[in-house]
Amino acid sequence: MTTREFYESIGASYDNVLVRFGSEKMITKFAKRFADDTTFQDMCKALEEKNAKEAFRMAHTLKGICSNLGFDELYKASYDLTEDLRDGELSGYEQDYEKVCEKYKIVYDNVTKIDN
């Protein structure tokens, strides 16, 4: 799968990211690194441990990563989860967390298929 095809598969704009990064080589380099990033797993662990402060921090970090890489759908989901967790309470976040998990899986499953 090309990098452009990857962005299309996750419902994101390759062209918008290309403007920001300047070259396909740079986009590919950083998109592939996403597969090794542990922010999502750290967020899940913090939620399991009922650590609202750390869960917020990790959701916020994930949101930033997705914004920078142009992972639009995962960005939107992580934005909503970040706002749910902003007040330090672990209530009412579950639906947005499920959406983050769903969108993360789509990105992760496809980013590992980039072959250029």
PDB file of N, CA and C in Angstrom:
ATOM      1  N   MET A   1       0.853  -1.175   0.000  1.00  0.00           N
ATOM      2  CA  MET A   1       0.000   0.000   0.000  1.00  0.00           C
ATOM      3  C   MET A   1       0.899   1.239   0.000  1.00  0.00           C
ATOM      4  N   THR A   2       0.594   2.183  -0.851  1.00  0.00           N
ATOM      5  CA  THR A   2       1.364   3.430  -0.863  1.00  0.00           C
ATOM      6  C   THR A   2       0.914   4.308   0.309  1.00  0.00           C
ATOM      7  N   THR A   3       1.665   5.323   0.577  1.00  0.00           N
ATOM      8  CA  THR A   3       1.299   6.254   1.649  1.00  0.00           C
ATOM      9  C   THR A   3      -0.004   6.967   1.306  1.00  0.00           C
ATOM     10  N   ARG A   4      -0.168   7.348   0.070  1.00  0.00           N
ATOM     11  CA  ARG A   4      -1.429   7.985  -0.355  1.00  0.00           C
ATOM     12  C   ARG A   4      -2.604   7.035  -0.134  1.00  0.00           C
ATOM     13  N   GLU A   5      -2.433   5.778  -0.523  1.00  0.00           N
ATOM     14  CA  GLU A   5      -3.495   4.787  -0.330  1.00  0.00           C
ATOM     15  C   GLU A   5      -3.801   4.593   1.146  1.00  0.00           C
ATOM     16  N   PHE A   6      -2.770   4.637   1.979  1.00  0.00           N
ATOM     17  CA  PHE A   6      -2.979   4.545   3.424  1.00  0.00           C
ATOM     18  C   PHE A   6      -3.889   5.680   3.901  1.00  0.00           C
ATOM     19  N   TYR A   7      -3.568   6.899   3.533  1.00  0.00           N
ATOM     20  CA  TYR A   7      -4.381   8.038   3.961  1.00  0.00           C
ATOM     21  C   TYR A   7      -5.816   7.919   3.454  1.00  0.00           C
ATOM     22  N   GLU A   8      -5.987   7.458   2.242  1.00  0.00           N
ATOM     23  CA  GLU A   8      -7.333   7.253   1.711  1.00  0.00           C
ATOM     24  C   GLU A   8      -8.068   6.182   2.512  1.00  0.00           C
ATOM     25  N   SER A   9      -7.361   5.127   2.921  1.00  0.00           N
ATOM     26  CA  SER A   9      -7.989   4.020   3.649  1.00  0.00           C
ATOM     27  C   SER A   9      -8.465   4.423   5.038  1.00  0.00           C
ATOM     28  N   ILE A  10      -7.882   5.478   5.600  1.00  0.00           N
ATOM     29  CA  ILE A  10      -8.308   5.917   6.935  1.00  0.00           C
ATOM     30  C   ILE A  10      -9.191   7.163   6.874  1.00  0.00           C
ATOM     31  N   GLY A  11      -9.556   7.566   5.669  1.00  0.00           N
ATOM     32  CA  GLY A  11     -10.440   8.717   5.501  1.00  0.00           C
ATOM     33  C   GLY A  11      -9.782  10.044   5.781  1.00  0.00           C
ATOM     34  N   ALA A  12      -8.499  10.151   5.462  1.00  0.00           N
ATOM     35  CA  ALA A  12      -7.750  11.380   5.721  1.00  0.00           C
ATOM     36  C   ALA A  12      -7.223  11.949   4.401  1.00  0.00           C
ATOM     37  N   SER A  13      -6.792  13.200   4.440  1.00  0.00           N
ATOM     38  CA  SER A  13      -6.314  13.885   3.248  1.00  0.00           C
ATOM     39  C   SER A  13      -4.791  13.821   3.142  1.00  0.00           C
ATOM     40  N   TYR A  14      -4.319  13.007   2.237  1.00  0.00           N
ATOM     41  CA  TYR A  14      -2.888  12.914   1.969  1.00  0.00           C
ATOM     42  C   TYR A  14      -2.342  14.266   1.513  1.00  0.00           C
ATOM     43  N   ASP A  15      -3.090  14.949   0.653  1.00  0.00           N
ATOM     44  CA  ASP A  15      -2.614  16.224   0.114  1.00  0.00           C
ATOM     45  C   ASP A  15      -2.411  17.274   1.201  1.00  0.00           C
ATOM     46  N   ASN A  16      -3.293  17.319   2.192  1.00  0.00           N
ATOM     47  CA  ASN A  16      -3.121  18.259   3.305  1.00  0.00           C
ATOM     48  C   ASN A  16      -1.851  17.954   4.097  1.00  0.00           C
ATOM     49  N   VAL A  17      -1.590  16.679   4.306  1.00  0.00           N
ATOM     50  CA  VAL A  17      -0.395  16.273   5.047  1.00  0.00           C
ATOM     51  C   VAL A  17       0.856  16.554   4.223  1.00  0.00           C
ATOM     52  N   LEU A  18       0.780  16.353   2.919  1.00  0.00           N
ATOM     53  CA  LEU A  18       1.914  16.613   2.039  1.00  0.00           C
ATOM     54  C   LEU A  18       2.323  18.084   2.102  1.00  0.00           C
ATOM     55  N   VAL A  19       1.356  18.974   2.156  1.00  0.00           N
ATOM     56  CA  VAL A  19       1.664  20.405   2.274  1.00  0.00           C
ATOM     57  C   VAL A  19       2.444  20.664   3.570  1.00  0.00           C
ATOM     58  N   ARG A  20       2.015  20.015   4.643  1.00  0.00           N
ATOM     59  CA  ARG A  20       2.644  20.234   5.954  1.00  0.00           C
ATOM     60  C   ARG A  20       4.045  19.620   6.019  1.00  0.00           C
ATOM     61  N   PHE A  21       4.213  18.409   5.484  1.00  0.00           N
ATOM     62  CA  PHE A  21       5.488  17.696   5.600  1.00  0.00           C
ATOM     63  C   PHE A  21       6.449  17.973   4.454  1.00  0.00           C
ATOM     64  N   GLY A  22       5.937  18.316   3.289  1.00  0.00           N
ATOM     65  CA  GLY A  22       6.792  18.680   2.176  1.00  0.00           C
ATOM     66  C   GLY A  22       7.234  17.559   1.260  1.00  0.00           C
ATOM     67  N   SER A  23       7.193  16.316   1.741  1.00  0.00           N
ATOM     68  CA  SER A  23       7.582  15.206   0.867  1.00  0.00           C
ATOM     69  C   SER A  23       6.932  13.914   1.338  1.00  0.00           C
ATOM     70  N   GLU A  24       6.706  13.031   0.387  1.00  0.00           N
ATOM     71  CA  GLU A  24       6.127  11.728   0.741  1.00  0.00           C
ATOM     72  C   GLU A  24       7.072  10.947   1.645  1.00  0.00           C
ATOM     73  N   LYS A  25       8.354  11.092   1.428  1.00  0.00           N
ATOM     74  CA  LYS A  25       9.339  10.387   2.248  1.00  0.00           C
ATOM     75  C   LYS A  25       9.175  10.744   3.730  1.00  0.00           C
ATOM     76  N   MET A  26       8.989  12.014   4.014  1.00  0.00           N
ATOM     77  CA  MET A  26       8.808  12.440   5.405  1.00  0.00           C
ATOM     78  C   MET A  26       7.486  11.929   5.982  1.00  0.00           C
ATOM     79  N   ILE A  27       6.427  12.006   5.190  1.00  0.00           N
ATOM     80  CA  ILE A  27       5.125  11.502   5.661  1.00  0.00           C
ATOM     81  C   ILE A  27       5.242  10.026   5.994  1.00  0.00           C
ATOM     82  N   THR A  28       5.811   9.274   5.091  1.00  0.00           N
ATOM     83  CA  THR A  28       5.940   7.826   5.280  1.00  0.00           C
ATOM     84  C   THR A  28       6.760   7.514   6.515  1.00  0.00           C
ATOM     85  N   LYS A  29       7.858   8.211   6.690  1.00  0.00           N
ATOM     86  CA  LYS A  29       8.741   7.990   7.842  1.00  0.00           C
ATOM     87  C   LYS A  29       7.976   8.159   9.152  1.00  0.00           C
ATOM     88  N   PHE A  30       7.252   9.246   9.285  1.00  0.00           N
ATOM     89  CA  PHE A  30       6.563   9.519  10.543  1.00  0.00           C
ATOM     90  C   PHE A  30       5.285   8.704  10.700  1.00  0.00           C
ATOM     91  N   ALA A  31       4.587   8.437   9.614  1.00  0.00           N
ATOM     92  CA  ALA A  31       3.378   7.602   9.698  1.00  0.00           C
ATOM     93  C   ALA A  31       3.752   6.198  10.170  1.00  0.00           C
ATOM     94  N   LYS A  32       4.838   5.646   9.625  1.00  0.00           N
ATOM     95  CA  LYS A  32       5.265   4.299  10.023  1.00  0.00           C
ATOM     96  C   LYS A  32       5.689   4.249  11.493  1.00  0.00           C
ATOM     97  N   ARG A  33       6.242   5.324  11.991  1.00  0.00           N
ATOM     98  CA  ARG A  33       6.645   5.370  13.396  1.00  0.00           C
ATOM     99  C   ARG A  33       5.440   5.272  14.328  1.00  0.00           C
ATOM    100  N   PHE A  34       4.274   5.653  13.836  1.00  0.00           N
ATOM    101  CA  PHE A  34       3.063   5.595  14.648  1.00  0.00           C
ATOM    102  C   PHE A  34       2.808   4.176  15.157  1.00  0.00           C
ATOM    103  N   ALA A  35       3.130   3.179  14.351  1.00  0.00           N
ATOM    104  CA  ALA A  35       2.900   1.783  14.738  1.00  0.00           C
ATOM    105  C   ALA A  35       3.684   1.396  15.984  1.00  0.00           C
ATOM    106  N   ASP A  36       4.806   2.058  16.236  1.00  0.00           N
ATOM    107  CA  ASP A  36       5.644   1.742  17.398  1.00  0.00           C
ATOM    108  C   ASP A  36       5.369   2.639  18.601  1.00  0.00           C
ATOM    109  N   ASP A  37       4.563   3.655  18.412  1.00  0.00           N
ATOM    110  CA  ASP A  37       4.262   4.588  19.495  1.00  0.00           C
ATOM    111  C   ASP A  37       3.368   3.908  20.529  1.00  0.00           C
ATOM    112  N   THR A  38       3.647   4.122  21.807  1.00  0.00           N
ATOM    113  CA  THR A  38       2.894   3.450  22.870  1.00  0.00           C
ATOM    114  C   THR A  38       1.857   4.347  23.550  1.00  0.00           C
ATOM    115  N   THR A  39       1.629   5.515  23.015  1.00  0.00           N
ATOM    116  CA  THR A  39       0.697   6.449  23.656  1.00  0.00           C
ATOM    117  C   THR A  39      -0.695   5.838  23.837  1.00  0.00           C
ATOM    118  N   PHE A  40      -1.211   5.202  22.814  1.00  0.00           N
ATOM    119  CA  PHE A  40      -2.541   4.591  22.905  1.00  0.00           C
ATOM    120  C   PHE A  40      -2.571   3.522  24.004  1.00  0.00           C
ATOM    121  N   GLN A  41      -1.581   2.641  24.010  1.00  0.00           N
ATOM    122  CA  GLN A  41      -1.526   1.591  25.024  1.00  0.00           C
ATOM    123  C   GLN A  41      -1.388   2.184  26.422  1.00  0.00           C
ATOM    124  N   ASP A  42      -0.584   3.230  26.554  1.00  0.00           N
ATOM    125  CA  ASP A  42      -0.418   3.895  27.847  1.00  0.00           C
ATOM    126  C   ASP A  42      -1.730   4.519  28.314  1.00  0.00           C
ATOM    127  N   MET A  43      -2.493   5.068  27.390  1.00  0.00           N
ATOM    128  CA  MET A  43      -3.792   5.641  27.721  1.00  0.00           C
ATOM    129  C   MET A  43      -4.748   4.552  28.206  1.00  0.00           C
ATOM    130  N   CYS A  44      -4.768   3.445  27.492  1.00  0.00           N
ATOM    131  CA  CYS A  44      -5.637   2.324  27.883  1.00  0.00           C
ATOM    132  C   CYS A  44      -5.274   1.818  29.277  1.00  0.00           C
ATOM    133  N   LYS A  45      -3.990   1.695  29.536  1.00  0.00           N
ATOM    134  CA  LYS A  45      -3.520   1.233  30.844  1.00  0.00           C
ATOM    135  C   LYS A  45      -3.941   2.210  31.940  1.00  0.00           C
ATOM    136  N   ALA A  46      -3.790   3.493  31.679  1.00  0.00           N
ATOM    137  CA  ALA A  46      -4.176   4.498  32.673  1.00  0.00           C
ATOM    138  C   ALA A  46      -5.676   4.427  32.964  1.00  0.00           C
ATOM    139  N   LEU A  47      -6.473   4.214  31.945  1.00  0.00           N
ATOM    140  CA  LEU A  47      -7.921   4.085  32.160  1.00  0.00           C
ATOM    141  C   LEU A  47      -8.242   2.824  32.958  1.00  0.00           C
ATOM    142  N   GLU A  48      -7.577   1.725  32.647  1.00  0.00           N
ATOM    143  CA  GLU A  48      -7.773   0.485  33.404  1.00  0.00           C
ATOM    144  C   GLU A  48      -7.415   0.671  34.871  1.00  0.00           C
ATOM    145  N   GLU A  49      -6.376   1.445  35.112  1.00  0.00           N
ATOM    146  CA  GLU A  49      -5.906   1.694  36.478  1.00  0.00           C
ATOM    147  C   GLU A  49      -6.662   2.840  37.153  1.00  0.00           C
ATOM    148  N   LYS A  50      -7.640   3.408  36.449  1.00  0.00           N
ATOM    149  CA  LYS A  50      -8.457   4.521  36.964  1.00  0.00           C
ATOM    150  C   LYS A  50      -7.609   5.746  37.300  1.00  0.00           C
ATOM    151  N   ASN A  51      -6.564   5.965  36.504  1.00  0.00           N
ATOM    152  CA  ASN A  51      -5.681   7.103  36.685  1.00  0.00           C
ATOM    153  C   ASN A  51      -6.109   8.199  35.709  1.00  0.00           C
ATOM    154  N   ALA A  52      -7.025   9.043  36.169  1.00  0.00           N
ATOM    155  CA  ALA A  52      -7.621  10.061  35.293  1.00  0.00           C
ATOM    156  C   ALA A  52      -6.585  11.049  34.768  1.00  0.00           C
ATOM    157  N   LYS A  53      -5.666  11.456  35.605  1.00  0.00           N
ATOM    158  CA  LYS A  53      -4.666  12.445  35.195  1.00  0.00           C
ATOM    159  C   LYS A  53      -3.788  11.905  34.069  1.00  0.00           C
ATOM    160  N   GLU A  54      -3.317  10.679  34.215  1.00  0.00           N
ATOM    161  CA  GLU A  54      -2.466  10.082  33.190  1.00  0.00           C
ATOM    162  C   GLU A  54      -3.270   9.760  31.926  1.00  0.00           C
ATOM    163  N   ALA A  55      -4.504   9.310  32.097  1.00  0.00           N
ATOM    164  CA  ALA A  55      -5.360   9.021  30.942  1.00  0.00           C
ATOM    165  C   ALA A  55      -5.581  10.292  30.128  1.00  0.00           C
ATOM    166  N   PHE A  56      -5.836  11.401  30.808  1.00  0.00           N
ATOM    167  CA  PHE A  56      -5.999  12.679  30.118  1.00  0.00           C
ATOM    168  C   PHE A  56      -4.725  13.054  29.369  1.00  0.00           C
ATOM    169  N   ARG A  57      -3.602  12.920  30.031  1.00  0.00           N
ATOM    170  CA  ARG A  57      -2.319  13.284  29.419  1.00  0.00           C
ATOM    171  C   ARG A  57      -2.049  12.461  28.158  1.00  0.00           C
ATOM    172  N   MET A  58      -2.340  11.170  28.237  1.00  0.00           N
ATOM    173  CA  MET A  58      -2.101  10.296  27.087  1.00  0.00           C
ATOM    174  C   MET A  58      -3.114  10.562  25.968  1.00  0.00           C
ATOM    175  N   ALA A  59      -4.361  10.811  26.310  1.00  0.00           N
ATOM    176  CA  ALA A  59      -5.373  11.139  25.291  1.00  0.00           C
ATOM    177  C   ALA A  59      -4.990  12.445  24.590  1.00  0.00           C
ATOM    178  N   HIS A  60      -4.519  13.406  25.365  1.00  0.00           N
ATOM    179  CA  HIS A  60      -4.093  14.691  24.818  1.00  0.00           C
ATOM    180  C   HIS A  60      -2.886  14.509  23.891  1.00  0.00           C
ATOM    181  N   THR A  61      -1.958  13.673  24.294  1.00  0.00           N
ATOM    182  CA  THR A  61      -0.785  13.386  23.470  1.00  0.00           C
ATOM    183  C   THR A  61      -1.197  12.698  22.168  1.00  0.00           C
ATOM    184  N   LEU A  62      -2.090  11.713  22.277  1.00  0.00           N
ATOM    185  CA  LEU A  62      -2.579  11.015  21.084  1.00  0.00           C
ATOM    186  C   LEU A  62      -3.251  11.998  20.131  1.00  0.00           C
ATOM    187  N   LYS A  63      -4.037  12.888  20.686  1.00  0.00           N
ATOM    188  CA  LYS A  63      -4.708  13.917  19.882  1.00  0.00           C
ATOM    189  C   LYS A  63      -3.677  14.742  19.110  1.00  0.00           C
ATOM    190  N   GLY A  64      -2.616  15.145  19.759  1.00  0.00           N
ATOM    191  CA  GLY A  64      -1.568  15.939  19.113  1.00  0.00           C
ATOM    192  C   GLY A  64      -0.847  15.181  18.019  1.00  0.00           C
ATOM    193  N   ILE A  65      -0.537  13.929  18.287  1.00  0.00           N
ATOM    194  CA  ILE A  65       0.126  13.095  17.284  1.00  0.00           C
ATOM    195  C   ILE A  65      -0.755  12.988  16.042  1.00  0.00           C
ATOM    196  N   CYS A  66      -2.031  12.719  16.276  1.00  0.00           N
ATOM    197  CA  CYS A  66      -2.968  12.553  15.157  1.00  0.00           C
ATOM    198  C   CYS A  66      -3.160  13.851  14.384  1.00  0.00           C
ATOM    199  N   SER A  67      -3.163  14.950  15.082  1.00  0.00           N
ATOM    200  CA  SER A  67      -3.278  16.245  14.417  1.00  0.00           C
ATOM    201  C   SER A  67      -2.075  16.472  13.514  1.00  0.00           C
ATOM    202  N   ASN A  68      -0.888  16.227  14.038  1.00  0.00           N
ATOM    203  CA  ASN A  68       0.335  16.425  13.257  1.00  0.00           C
ATOM    204  C   ASN A  68       0.415  15.516  12.042  1.00  0.00           C
ATOM    205  N   LEU A  69      -0.034  14.275  12.194  1.00  0.00           N
ATOM    206  CA  LEU A  69       0.068  13.303  11.107  1.00  0.00           C
ATOM    207  C   LEU A  69      -1.138  13.330  10.176  1.00  0.00           C
ATOM    208  N   GLY A  70      -2.145  14.107  10.512  1.00  0.00           N
ATOM    209  CA  GLY A  70      -3.316  14.204   9.646  1.00  0.00           C
ATOM    210  C   GLY A  70      -4.242  13.003   9.722  1.00  0.00           C
ATOM    211  N   PHE A  71      -4.210  12.285  10.839  1.00  0.00           N
ATOM    212  CA  PHE A  71      -5.116  11.154  11.048  1.00  0.00           C
ATOM    213  C   PHE A  71      -6.438  11.720  11.554  1.00  0.00           C
ATOM    214  N   ASP A  72      -7.207  12.297  10.660  1.00  0.00           N
ATOM    215  CA  ASP A  72      -8.355  13.133  11.002  1.00  0.00           C
ATOM    216  C   ASP A  72      -9.403  12.446  11.873  1.00  0.00           C
ATOM    217  N   GLU A  73      -9.795  11.246  11.515  1.00  0.00           N
ATOM    218  CA  GLU A  73     -10.853  10.561  12.265  1.00  0.00           C
ATOM    219  C   GLU A  73     -10.390  10.193  13.672  1.00  0.00           C
ATOM    220  N   LEU A  74      -9.168   9.711  13.798  1.00  0.00           N
ATOM    221  CA  LEU A  74      -8.631   9.394  15.118  1.00  0.00           C
ATOM    222  C   LEU A  74      -8.403  10.670  15.916  1.00  0.00           C
ATOM    223  N   TYR A  75      -8.010  11.734  15.246  1.00  0.00           N
ATOM    224  CA  TYR A  75      -7.870  13.024  15.924  1.00  0.00           C
ATOM    225  C   TYR A  75      -9.203  13.448  16.531  1.00  0.00           C
ATOM    226  N   LYS A  76     -10.275  13.393  15.745  1.00  0.00           N
ATOM    227  CA  LYS A  76     -11.587  13.820  16.240  1.00  0.00           C
ATOM    228  C   LYS A  76     -12.021  12.993  17.440  1.00  0.00           C
ATOM    229  N   ALA A  77     -11.826  11.690  17.363  1.00  0.00           N
ATOM    230  CA  ALA A  77     -12.208  10.808  18.473  1.00  0.00           C
ATOM    231  C   ALA A  77     -11.363  11.091  19.708  1.00  0.00           C
ATOM    232  N   SER A  78     -10.059  11.278  19.523  1.00  0.00           N
ATOM    233  CA  SER A  78      -9.193  11.540  20.680  1.00  0.00           C
ATOM    234  C   SER A  78      -9.433  12.933  21.254  1.00  0.00           C
ATOM    235  N   TYR A  79      -9.845  13.861  20.419  1.00  0.00           N
ATOM    236  CA  TYR A  79     -10.223  15.191  20.904  1.00  0.00           C
ATOM    237  C   TYR A  79     -11.412  15.065  21.860  1.00  0.00           C
ATOM    238  N   ASP A  80     -12.432  14.330  21.438  1.00  0.00           N
ATOM    239  CA  ASP A  80     -13.615  14.157  22.286  1.00  0.00           C
ATOM    240  C   ASP A  80     -13.262  13.473  23.600  1.00  0.00           C
ATOM    241  N   LEU A  81     -12.424  12.453  23.534  1.00  0.00           N
ATOM    242  CA  LEU A  81     -12.014  11.761  24.763  1.00  0.00           C
ATOM    243  C   LEU A  81     -11.201  12.683  25.664  1.00  0.00           C
ATOM    244  N   THR A  82     -10.330  13.460  25.090  1.00  0.00           N
ATOM    245  CA  THR A  82      -9.545  14.418  25.872  1.00  0.00           C
ATOM    246  C   THR A  82     -10.468  15.362  26.634  1.00  0.00           C
ATOM    247  N   GLU A  83     -11.485  15.847  25.967  1.00  0.00           N
ATOM    248  CA  GLU A  83     -12.426  16.758  26.628  1.00  0.00           C
ATOM    249  C   GLU A  83     -13.213  16.049  27.730  1.00  0.00           C
ATOM    250  N   ASP A  84     -13.547  14.773  27.511  1.00  0.00           N
ATOM    251  CA  ASP A  84     -14.237  13.996  28.549  1.00  0.00           C
ATOM    252  C   ASP A  84     -13.392  13.879  29.810  1.00  0.00           C
ATOM    253  N   LEU A  85     -12.093  13.766  29.632  1.00  0.00           N
ATOM    254  CA  LEU A  85     -11.185  13.516  30.751  1.00  0.00           C
ATOM    255  C   LEU A  85     -10.592  14.785  31.348  1.00  0.00           C
ATOM    256  N   ARG A  86     -10.819  15.902  30.720  1.00  0.00           N
ATOM    257  CA  ARG A  86     -10.188  17.160  31.115  1.00  0.00           C
ATOM    258  C   ARG A  86     -10.448  17.535  32.576  1.00  0.00           C
ATOM    259  N   ASP A  87     -11.640  17.243  33.082  1.00  0.00           N
ATOM    260  CA  ASP A  87     -11.984  17.643  34.454  1.00  0.00           C
ATOM    261  C   ASP A  87     -11.437  16.702  35.521  1.00  0.00           C
ATOM    262  N   GLY A  88     -10.733  15.654  35.092  1.00  0.00           N
ATOM    263  CA  GLY A  88     -10.116  14.746  36.049  1.00  0.00           C
ATOM    264  C   GLY A  88     -11.055  13.684  36.587  1.00  0.00           C
ATOM    265  N   GLU A  89     -12.241  13.611  36.042  1.00  0.00           N
ATOM    266  CA  GLU A  89     -13.220  12.612  36.477  1.00  0.00           C
ATOM    267  C   GLU A  89     -13.315  11.499  35.447  1.00  0.00           C
ATOM    268  N   LEU A  90     -13.445  10.280  35.928  1.00  0.00           N
ATOM    269  CA  LEU A  90     -13.595   9.142  35.031  1.00  0.00           C
ATOM    270  C   LEU A  90     -15.060   8.725  34.963  1.00  0.00           C
ATOM    271  N   SER A  91     -15.847   9.584  34.362  1.00  0.00           N
ATOM    272  CA  SER A  91     -17.257   9.258  34.160  1.00  0.00           C
ATOM    273  C   SER A  91     -17.708   9.860  32.834  1.00  0.00           C
ATOM    274  N   GLY A  92     -18.504   9.099  32.114  1.00  0.00           N
ATOM    275  CA  GLY A  92     -19.039   9.589  30.858  1.00  0.00           C
ATOM    276  C   GLY A  92     -18.080   9.579  29.692  1.00  0.00           C
ATOM    277  N   TYR A  93     -16.967   8.909  29.812  1.00  0.00           N
ATOM    278  CA  TYR A  93     -15.972   8.879  28.744  1.00  0.00           C
ATOM    279  C   TYR A  93     -16.059   7.613  27.888  1.00  0.00           C
ATOM    280  N   GLU A  94     -16.795   6.631  28.341  1.00  0.00           N
ATOM    281  CA  GLU A  94     -16.754   5.290  27.764  1.00  0.00           C
ATOM    282  C   GLU A  94     -17.083   5.246  26.264  1.00  0.00           C
ATOM    283  N   GLN A  95     -18.102   5.952  25.845  1.00  0.00           N
ATOM    284  CA  GLN A  95     -18.483   5.927  24.431  1.00  0.00           C
ATOM    285  C   GLN A  95     -17.382   6.531  23.552  1.00  0.00           C
ATOM    286  N   ASP A  96     -16.806   7.624  24.008  1.00  0.00           N
ATOM    287  CA  ASP A  96     -15.725   8.243  23.230  1.00  0.00           C
ATOM    288  C   ASP A  96     -14.464   7.367  23.260  1.00  0.00           C
ATOM    289  N   TYR A  97     -14.230   6.691  24.355  1.00  0.00           N
ATOM    290  CA  TYR A  97     -13.094   5.768  24.441  1.00  0.00           C
ATOM    291  C   TYR A  97     -13.257   4.635  23.427  1.00  0.00           C
ATOM    292  N   GLU A  98     -14.456   4.092  23.326  1.00  0.00           N
ATOM    293  CA  GLU A  98     -14.720   3.028  22.353  1.00  0.00           C
ATOM    294  C   GLU A  98     -14.464   3.524  20.931  1.00  0.00           C
ATOM    295  N   LYS A  99     -14.839   4.759  20.664  1.00  0.00           N
ATOM    296  CA  LYS A  99     -14.621   5.333  19.333  1.00  0.00           C
ATOM    297  C   LYS A  99     -13.123   5.494  19.052  1.00  0.00           C
ATOM    298  N   VAL A 100     -12.372   5.925  20.060  1.00  0.00           N
ATOM    299  CA  VAL A 100     -10.915   6.028  19.901  1.00  0.00           C
ATOM    300  C   VAL A 100     -10.338   4.648  19.590  1.00  0.00           C
ATOM    301  N   CYS A 101     -10.771   3.642  20.320  1.00  0.00           N
ATOM    302  CA  CYS A 101     -10.274   2.278  20.085  1.00  0.00           C
ATOM    303  C   CYS A 101     -10.584   1.823  18.661  1.00  0.00           C
ATOM    304  N   GLU A 102     -11.786   2.097  18.209  1.00  0.00           N
ATOM    305  CA  GLU A 102     -12.204   1.722  16.852  1.00  0.00           C
ATOM    306  C   GLU A 102     -11.347   2.434  15.799  1.00  0.00           C
ATOM    307  N   LYS A 103     -11.172   3.739  15.955  1.00  0.00           N
ATOM    308  CA  LYS A 103     -10.410   4.521  14.977  1.00  0.00           C
ATOM    309  C   LYS A 103      -8.913   4.183  15.041  1.00  0.00           C
ATOM    310  N   TYR A 104      -8.413   3.917  16.242  1.00  0.00           N
ATOM    311  CA  TYR A 104      -7.010   3.539  16.392  1.00  0.00           C
ATOM    312  C   TYR A 104      -6.733   2.245  15.623  1.00  0.00           C
ATOM    313  N   LYS A 105      -7.625   1.268  15.769  1.00  0.00           N
ATOM    314  CA  LYS A 105      -7.440  -0.018  15.088  1.00  0.00           C
ATOM    315  C   LYS A 105      -7.376   0.170  13.577  1.00  0.00           C
ATOM    316  N   ILE A 106      -8.223   1.022  13.041  1.00  0.00           N
ATOM    317  CA  ILE A 106      -8.216   1.281  11.595  1.00  0.00           C
ATOM    318  C   ILE A 106      -6.865   1.858  11.167  1.00  0.00           C
ATOM    319  N   VAL A 107      -6.404   2.861  11.900  1.00  0.00           N
ATOM    320  CA  VAL A 107      -5.117   3.481  11.550  1.00  0.00           C
ATOM    321  C   VAL A 107      -3.983   2.480  11.711  1.00  0.00           C
ATOM    322  N   TYR A 108      -3.942   1.808  12.860  1.00  0.00           N
ATOM    323  CA  TYR A 108      -2.850   0.870  13.123  1.00  0.00           C
ATOM    324  C   TYR A 108      -2.808  -0.247  12.085  1.00  0.00           C
ATOM    325  N   ASP A 109      -3.956  -0.852  11.829  1.00  0.00           N
ATOM    326  CA  ASP A 109      -4.004  -1.963  10.874  1.00  0.00           C
ATOM    327  C   ASP A 109      -3.542  -1.544   9.486  1.00  0.00           C
ATOM    328  N   ASN A 110      -3.807  -0.317   9.110  1.00  0.00           N
ATOM    329  CA  ASN A 110      -3.435   0.146   7.770  1.00  0.00           C
ATOM    330  C   ASN A 110      -2.029   0.731   7.704  1.00  0.00           C
ATOM    331  N   VAL A 111      -1.584   1.382   8.765  1.00  0.00           N
ATOM    332  CA  VAL A 111      -0.241   1.985   8.719  1.00  0.00           C
ATOM    333  C   VAL A 111       0.828   0.898   8.607  1.00  0.00           C
ATOM    334  N   THR A 112       0.547  -0.257   9.136  1.00  0.00           N
ATOM    335  CA  THR A 112       1.521  -1.352   9.057  1.00  0.00           C
ATOM    336  C   THR A 112       1.593  -1.941   7.645  1.00  0.00           C
ATOM    337  N   LYS A 113       0.695  -1.552   6.768  1.00  0.00           N
ATOM    338  CA  LYS A 113       0.681  -2.047   5.385  1.00  0.00           C
ATOM    339  C   LYS A 113       1.387  -1.123   4.402  1.00  0.00           C
ATOM    340  N   ILE A 114       1.851   0.033   4.872  1.00  0.00           N
ATOM    341  CA  ILE A 114       2.574   0.943   3.975  1.00  0.00           C
ATOM    342  C   ILE A 114       3.860   0.257   3.540  1.00  0.00           C
ATOM    343  N   ASP A 115       4.071   0.214   2.236  1.00  0.00           N
ATOM    344  CA  ASP A 115       5.252  -0.517   1.735  1.00  0.00           C
ATOM    345  C   ASP A 115       6.270   0.367   1.029  1.00  0.00           C
ATOM    346  N   ASN A 116       6.115   1.668   1.100  1.00  0.00           N
ATOM    347  CA  ASN A 116       7.116   2.525   0.447  1.00  0.00           C
ATOM    348  C   ASN A 116       7.808   3.399   1.441  1.00  0.00           C
TER     349      ASN A 116
END
